[in-house]
Amino acid sequence: MRLIILGATGAGKGTQARFISRILKLKHIEMGGLLRKEARKNKLIKKFMAQGKLIPDNITIRILNKEIKNKKSFVLDGFPRTLVQAKALRFKPDLVLFLNVGKDDIVKRLLLRKRFDDTKKNIEERYHLYLKKTLPVINYYKKKNVLVTINGNPSIKNVSKSIKKVLMKFSKFDN
């Protein structure tokens, strides 16, 4: 199974992707983690991240393609963030989960996270970019009939339960 989980920064993609990875025994590919790793050796990527900006599509796509090469099953967290990225994928996702979370909750969650790039200004910038760049991706997958929207506002446990119900329709697993 090739599954994508989308949502604004702070929507809980990483938490829920780890949950999905565990119950479906899929490799969890976290785009944010890959980019933070690259930022340690690439000043341009670090600069974009420090300013709360999206990394250019060609760089992000190259990093992801290197990571997913020869992998048949995985849960992809935080990619694609733009239509260019969605159309550049070398695979058709079996399922795309969209964690829908309100802006106020996003801001609260990110300020508690305490990452170097989680400043109030950067959070506002990333949320604006999400509305401008990622919402079209959500509509793209909706038109392809692979998107399921999950309310990401409740507790982690309740969001996980909602996701598990959706996954039961697509895959067999224990738990």
Foldseek 3Di string as FASTA:
>chain_A
DEEEEAEFQQLCQVVLQVVCCVFVVAAEAELVVLLVVVVVVDVVSVVCLLQLHDDDLVVSLVSVCVVCVPPDGHYYYPPDQAPVRVVPDPDDGQAYEYAYEDLVSSLVRLVVVPDSSSDSNSSVVRVVSSVVGRVVVQVVVVVVVRYDYFHSHDDPVVSSVVVVVVVVVVDDGDD
